[in-house]
Amino acid sequence: MKKLLKFNPQYPISIGLIIMGVGCIFFDVTSEIGLLITLFGGFIMLGGAICLIYIASRK
């Protein structure tokens, strides 16, 4: 748990945003691979946001 509090949540948020951008720009969302890449980036970004909220509530 102490490692989670030292973790900078801005990294997964920005990585998730980049992955979502790549999925939307280079792949069609109606195809399976484009949808999968976009959802994967969204879940990474959501995980970073949850970590950010949790860390902010602990302080």
PDB file of N, CA and C in Angstrom:
ATOM      1  N   MET A   1       0.814  -1.181   0.000  1.00  0.00           N
ATOM      2  CA  MET A   1       0.000   0.000   0.000  1.00  0.00           C
ATOM      3  C   MET A   1       0.869   1.261   0.000  1.00  0.00           C
ATOM      4  N   LYS A   2       2.025   1.202   0.650  1.00  0.00           N
ATOM      5  CA  LYS A   2       2.906   2.367   0.672  1.00  0.00           C
ATOM      6  C   LYS A   2       3.451   2.673  -0.721  1.00  0.00           C
ATOM      7  N   LYS A   3       3.661   1.625  -1.533  1.00  0.00           N
ATOM      8  CA  LYS A   3       4.124   1.855  -2.898  1.00  0.00           C
ATOM      9  C   LYS A   3       3.039   2.541  -3.726  1.00  0.00           C
ATOM     10  N   LEU A   4       1.786   2.243  -3.439  1.00  0.00           N
ATOM     11  CA  LEU A   4       0.681   2.877  -4.158  1.00  0.00           C
ATOM     12  C   LEU A   4       0.619   4.362  -3.843  1.00  0.00           C
ATOM     13  N   LEU A   5       0.901   4.738  -2.605  1.00  0.00           N
ATOM     14  CA  LEU A   5       0.859   6.146  -2.240  1.00  0.00           C
ATOM     15  C   LEU A   5       2.025   6.921  -2.828  1.00  0.00           C
ATOM     16  N   LYS A   6       3.148   6.250  -3.103  1.00  0.00           N
ATOM     17  CA  LYS A   6       4.293   6.913  -3.724  1.00  0.00           C
ATOM     18  C   LYS A   6       4.168   6.968  -5.242  1.00  0.00           C
ATOM     19  N   PHE A   7       3.213   6.254  -5.795  1.00  0.00           N
ATOM     20  CA  PHE A   7       3.025   6.153  -7.241  1.00  0.00           C
ATOM     21  C   PHE A   7       2.458   7.458  -7.785  1.00  0.00           C
ATOM     22  N   ASN A   8       3.023   7.949  -8.879  1.00  0.00           N
ATOM     23  CA  ASN A   8       2.532   9.167  -9.510  1.00  0.00           C
ATOM     24  C   ASN A   8       1.428   8.797 -10.507  1.00  0.00           C
ATOM     25  N   PRO A   9       0.176   9.144 -10.232  1.00  0.00           N
ATOM     26  CA  PRO A   9      -0.926   8.717 -11.105  1.00  0.00           C
ATOM     27  C   PRO A   9      -1.003   9.481 -12.418  1.00  0.00           C
ATOM     28  N   GLN A  10      -0.170  10.491 -12.601  1.00  0.00           N
ATOM     29  CA  GLN A  10      -0.205  11.213 -13.865  1.00  0.00           C
ATOM     30  C   GLN A  10       0.346  10.372 -15.005  1.00  0.00           C
ATOM     31  N   TYR A  11       1.212   9.415 -14.692  1.00  0.00           N
ATOM     32  CA  TYR A  11       1.775   8.568 -15.742  1.00  0.00           C
ATOM     33  C   TYR A  11       0.715   7.682 -16.405  1.00  0.00           C
ATOM     34  N   PRO A  12      -0.091   6.915 -15.662  1.00  0.00           N
ATOM     35  CA  PRO A  12      -1.092   6.101 -16.376  1.00  0.00           C
ATOM     36  C   PRO A  12      -2.184   6.928 -17.036  1.00  0.00           C
ATOM     37  N   ILE A  13      -2.481   8.108 -16.503  1.00  0.00           N
ATOM     38  CA  ILE A  13      -3.489   8.957 -17.148  1.00  0.00           C
ATOM     39  C   ILE A  13      -2.987   9.418 -18.507  1.00  0.00           C
ATOM     40  N   SER A  14      -1.730   9.865 -18.557  1.00  0.00           N
ATOM     41  CA  SER A  14      -1.200  10.339 -19.838  1.00  0.00           C
ATOM     42  C   SER A  14      -0.964   9.189 -20.813  1.00  0.00           C
ATOM     43  N   ILE A  15      -0.501   8.051 -20.314  1.00  0.00           N
ATOM     44  CA  ILE A  15      -0.301   6.885 -21.188  1.00  0.00           C
ATOM     45  C   ILE A  15      -1.638   6.394 -21.735  1.00  0.00           C
ATOM     46  N   GLY A  16      -2.660   6.365 -20.889  1.00  0.00           N
ATOM     47  CA  GLY A  16      -3.995   5.968 -21.342  1.00  0.00           C
ATOM     48  C   GLY A  16      -4.559   6.904 -22.383  1.00  0.00           C
ATOM     49  N   LEU A  17      -4.305   8.197 -22.203  1.00  0.00           N
ATOM     50  CA  LEU A  17      -4.775   9.183 -23.179  1.00  0.00           C
ATOM     51  C   LEU A  17      -4.066   9.015 -24.517  1.00  0.00           C
ATOM     52  N   ILE A  18      -2.767   8.724 -24.479  1.00  0.00           N
ATOM     53  CA  ILE A  18      -2.020   8.501 -25.715  1.00  0.00           C
ATOM     54  C   ILE A  18      -2.510   7.239 -26.423  1.00  0.00           C
ATOM     55  N   ILE A  19      -2.744   6.173 -25.664  1.00  0.00           N
ATOM     56  CA  ILE A  19      -3.225   4.917 -26.266  1.00  0.00           C
ATOM     57  C   ILE A  19      -4.615   5.112 -26.863  1.00  0.00           C
ATOM     58  N   MET A  20      -5.466   5.851 -26.159  1.00  0.00           N
ATOM     59  CA  MET A  20      -6.792   6.125 -26.716  1.00  0.00           C
ATOM     60  C   MET A  20      -6.701   6.945 -28.000  1.00  0.00           C
ATOM     61  N   GLY A  21      -5.792   7.909 -28.027  1.00  0.00           N
ATOM     62  CA  GLY A  21      -5.611   8.720 -29.236  1.00  0.00           C
ATOM     63  C   GLY A  21      -5.121   7.891 -30.400  1.00  0.00           C
ATOM     64  N   VAL A  22      -4.174   6.994 -30.146  1.00  0.00           N
ATOM     65  CA  VAL A  22      -3.676   6.116 -31.209  1.00  0.00           C
ATOM     66  C   VAL A  22      -4.787   5.203 -31.700  1.00  0.00           C
ATOM     67  N   GLY A  23      -5.579   4.682 -30.766  1.00  0.00           N
ATOM     68  CA  GLY A  23      -6.668   3.791 -31.152  1.00  0.00           C
ATOM     69  C   GLY A  23      -7.732   4.481 -31.978  1.00  0.00           C
ATOM     70  N   CYS A  24      -7.993   5.747 -31.672  1.00  0.00           N
ATOM     71  CA  CYS A  24      -9.042   6.472 -32.399  1.00  0.00           C
ATOM     72  C   CYS A  24      -8.555   7.021 -33.736  1.00  0.00           C
ATOM     73  N   ILE A  25      -7.293   7.428 -33.788  1.00  0.00           N
ATOM     74  CA  ILE A  25      -6.790   8.055 -35.012  1.00  0.00           C
ATOM     75  C   ILE A  25      -6.399   7.010 -36.058  1.00  0.00           C
ATOM     76  N   PHE A  26      -5.641   6.013 -35.649  1.00  0.00           N
ATOM     77  CA  PHE A  26      -5.079   5.074 -36.619  1.00  0.00           C
ATOM     78  C   PHE A  26      -5.956   3.861 -36.895  1.00  0.00           C
ATOM     79  N   PHE A  27      -6.905   3.583 -36.019  1.00  0.00           N
ATOM     80  CA  PHE A  27      -7.784   2.429 -36.211  1.00  0.00           C
ATOM     81  C   PHE A  27      -9.226   2.902 -36.188  1.00  0.00           C
ATOM     82  N   ASP A  28     -10.045   2.218 -36.930  1.00  0.00           N
ATOM     83  CA  ASP A  28     -11.463   2.533 -36.940  1.00  0.00           C
ATOM     84  C   ASP A  28     -12.099   1.921 -35.694  1.00  0.00           C
ATOM     85  N   VAL A  29     -12.922   2.684 -35.003  1.00  0.00           N
ATOM     86  CA  VAL A  29     -13.511   2.205 -33.761  1.00  0.00           C
ATOM     87  C   VAL A  29     -14.515   1.083 -34.022  1.00  0.00           C
ATOM     88  N   THR A  30     -15.040   0.999 -35.239  1.00  0.00           N
ATOM     89  CA  THR A  30     -15.994  -0.062 -35.538  1.00  0.00           C
ATOM     90  C   THR A  30     -15.299  -1.414 -35.685  1.00  0.00           C
ATOM     91  N   SER A  31     -13.979  -1.418 -35.913  1.00  0.00           N
ATOM     92  CA  SER A  31     -13.272  -2.702 -35.972  1.00  0.00           C
ATOM     93  C   SER A  31     -12.963  -3.163 -34.557  1.00  0.00           C
ATOM     94  N   GLU A  32     -12.711  -4.441 -34.402  1.00  0.00           N
ATOM     95  CA  GLU A  32     -12.465  -4.993 -33.070  1.00  0.00           C
ATOM     96  C   GLU A  32     -11.160  -4.485 -32.481  1.00  0.00           C
ATOM     97  N   ILE A  33     -10.116  -4.391 -33.272  1.00  0.00           N
ATOM     98  CA  ILE A  33      -8.815  -3.979 -32.754  1.00  0.00           C
ATOM     99  C   ILE A  33      -8.842  -2.508 -32.344  1.00  0.00           C
ATOM    100  N   GLY A  34      -9.517  -1.660 -33.107  1.00  0.00           N
ATOM    101  CA  GLY A  34      -9.616  -0.246 -32.739  1.00  0.00           C
ATOM    102  C   GLY A  34     -10.406  -0.040 -31.461  1.00  0.00           C
ATOM    103  N   LEU A  35     -11.493  -0.776 -31.320  1.00  0.00           N
ATOM    104  CA  LEU A  35     -12.300  -0.692 -30.109  1.00  0.00           C
ATOM    105  C   LEU A  35     -11.528  -1.213 -28.911  1.00  0.00           C
ATOM    106  N   LEU A  36     -10.789  -2.296 -29.098  1.00  0.00           N
ATOM    107  CA  LEU A  36     -10.005  -2.879 -28.011  1.00  0.00           C
ATOM    108  C   LEU A  36      -8.908  -1.925 -27.542  1.00  0.00           C
ATOM    109  N   ILE A  37      -8.203  -1.302 -28.478  1.00  0.00           N
ATOM    110  CA  ILE A  37      -7.144  -0.353 -28.116  1.00  0.00           C
ATOM    111  C   ILE A  37      -7.732   0.859 -27.410  1.00  0.00           C
ATOM    112  N   THR A  38      -8.857   1.354 -27.889  1.00  0.00           N
ATOM    113  CA  THR A  38      -9.495   2.510 -27.270  1.00  0.00           C
ATOM    114  C   THR A  38      -9.986   2.186 -25.859  1.00  0.00           C
ATOM    115  N   LEU A  39     -10.605   1.038 -25.680  1.00  0.00           N
ATOM    116  CA  LEU A  39     -11.071   0.642 -24.350  1.00  0.00           C
ATOM    117  C   LEU A  39      -9.910   0.376 -23.402  1.00  0.00           C
ATOM    118  N   PHE A  40      -8.842  -0.216 -23.901  1.00  0.00           N
ATOM    119  CA  PHE A  40      -7.657  -0.475 -23.082  1.00  0.00           C
ATOM    120  C   PHE A  40      -7.069   0.839 -22.563  1.00  0.00           C
ATOM    121  N   GLY A  41      -6.956   1.823 -23.425  1.00  0.00           N
ATOM    122  CA  GLY A  41      -6.474   3.135 -23.006  1.00  0.00           C
ATOM    123  C   GLY A  41      -7.408   3.792 -22.008  1.00  0.00           C
ATOM    124  N   GLY A  42      -8.685   3.607 -22.206  1.00  0.00           N
ATOM    125  CA  GLY A  42      -9.670   4.166 -21.278  1.00  0.00           C
ATOM    126  C   GLY A  42      -9.582   3.541 -19.898  1.00  0.00           C
ATOM    127  N   PHE A  43      -9.378   2.220 -19.849  1.00  0.00           N
ATOM    128  CA  PHE A  43      -9.254   1.546 -18.556  1.00  0.00           C
ATOM    129  C   PHE A  43      -7.970   1.946 -17.832  1.00  0.00           C
ATOM    130  N   ILE A  44      -6.891   2.143 -18.578  1.00  0.00           N
ATOM    131  CA  ILE A  44      -5.645   2.601 -17.961  1.00  0.00           C
ATOM    132  C   ILE A  44      -5.832   4.005 -17.400  1.00  0.00           C
ATOM    133  N   MET A  45      -6.483   4.860 -18.167  1.00  0.00           N
ATOM    134  CA  MET A  45      -6.724   6.228 -17.717  1.00  0.00           C
ATOM    135  C   MET A  45      -7.661   6.235 -16.510  1.00  0.00           C
ATOM    136  N   LEU A  46      -8.663   5.392 -16.494  1.00  0.00           N
ATOM    137  CA  LEU A  46      -9.588   5.297 -15.369  1.00  0.00           C
ATOM    138  C   LEU A  46      -8.871   4.805 -14.116  1.00  0.00           C
ATOM    139  N   GLY A  47      -7.968   3.854 -14.277  1.00  0.00           N
ATOM    140  CA  GLY A  47      -7.193   3.372 -13.135  1.00  0.00           C
ATOM    141  C   GLY A  47      -6.314   4.456 -12.541  1.00  0.00           C
ATOM    142  N   GLY A  48      -5.701   5.255 -13.384  1.00  0.00           N
ATOM    143  CA  GLY A  48      -4.899   6.372 -12.901  1.00  0.00           C
ATOM    144  C   GLY A  48      -5.746   7.413 -12.189  1.00  0.00           C
ATOM    145  N   ALA A  49      -6.943   7.659 -12.690  1.00  0.00           N
ATOM    146  CA  ALA A  49      -7.831   8.630 -12.047  1.00  0.00           C
ATOM    147  C   ALA A  49      -8.301   8.125 -10.689  1.00  0.00           C
ATOM    148  N   ILE A  50      -8.573   6.835 -10.579  1.00  0.00           N
ATOM    149  CA  ILE A  50      -8.977   6.262  -9.293  1.00  0.00           C
ATOM    150  C   ILE A  50      -7.831   6.350  -8.292  1.00  0.00           C
ATOM    151  N   CYS A  51      -6.614   6.078  -8.736  1.00  0.00           N
ATOM    152  CA  CYS A  51      -5.444   6.220  -7.855  1.00  0.00           C
ATOM    153  C   CYS A  51      -5.273   7.666  -7.417  1.00  0.00           C
ATOM    154  N   LEU A  52      -5.495   8.610  -8.319  1.00  0.00           N
ATOM    155  CA  LEU A  52      -5.372  10.026  -7.988  1.00  0.00           C
ATOM    156  C   LEU A  52      -6.401  10.435  -6.936  1.00  0.00           C
ATOM    157  N   ILE A  53      -7.630   9.988  -7.085  1.00  0.00           N
ATOM    158  CA  ILE A  53      -8.671  10.299  -6.108  1.00  0.00           C
ATOM    159  C   ILE A  53      -8.351   9.660  -4.762  1.00  0.00           C
ATOM    160  N   TYR A  54      -7.857   8.427  -4.788  1.00  0.00           N
ATOM    161  CA  TYR A  54      -7.541   7.738  -3.541  1.00  0.00           C
ATOM    162  C   TYR A  54      -6.392   8.425  -2.815  1.00  0.00           C
ATOM    163  N   ILE A  55      -5.372   8.820  -3.544  1.00  0.00           N
ATOM    164  CA  ILE A  55      -4.224   9.493  -2.928  1.00  0.00           C
ATOM    165  C   ILE A  55      -4.632  10.862  -2.389  1.00  0.00           C
ATOM    166  N   ALA A  56      -5.483  11.570  -3.121  1.00  0.00           N
ATOM    167  CA  ALA A  56      -5.920  12.888  -2.670  1.00  0.00           C
ATOM    168  C   ALA A  56      -6.798  12.789  -1.417  1.00  0.00           C
ATOM    169  N   SER A  57      -7.568  11.724  -1.309  1.00  0.00           N
ATOM    170  CA  SER A  57      -8.430  11.577  -0.134  1.00  0.00           C
ATOM    171  C   SER A  57      -7.636  11.148   1.097  1.00  0.00           C
ATOM    172  N   ARG A  58      -6.479  10.537   0.893  1.00  0.00           N
ATOM    173  CA  ARG A  58      -5.658  10.105   2.018  1.00  0.00           C
ATOM    174  C   ARG A  58      -4.885  11.258   2.657  1.00  0.00           C
ATOM    175  N   LYS A  59      -4.678  12.333   1.918  1.00  0.00           N
ATOM    176  CA  LYS A  59      -3.885  13.454   2.446  1.00  0.00           C
ATOM    177  C   LYS A  59      -4.722  14.443   3.208  1.00  0.00           C
TER     178      LYS A  59
END
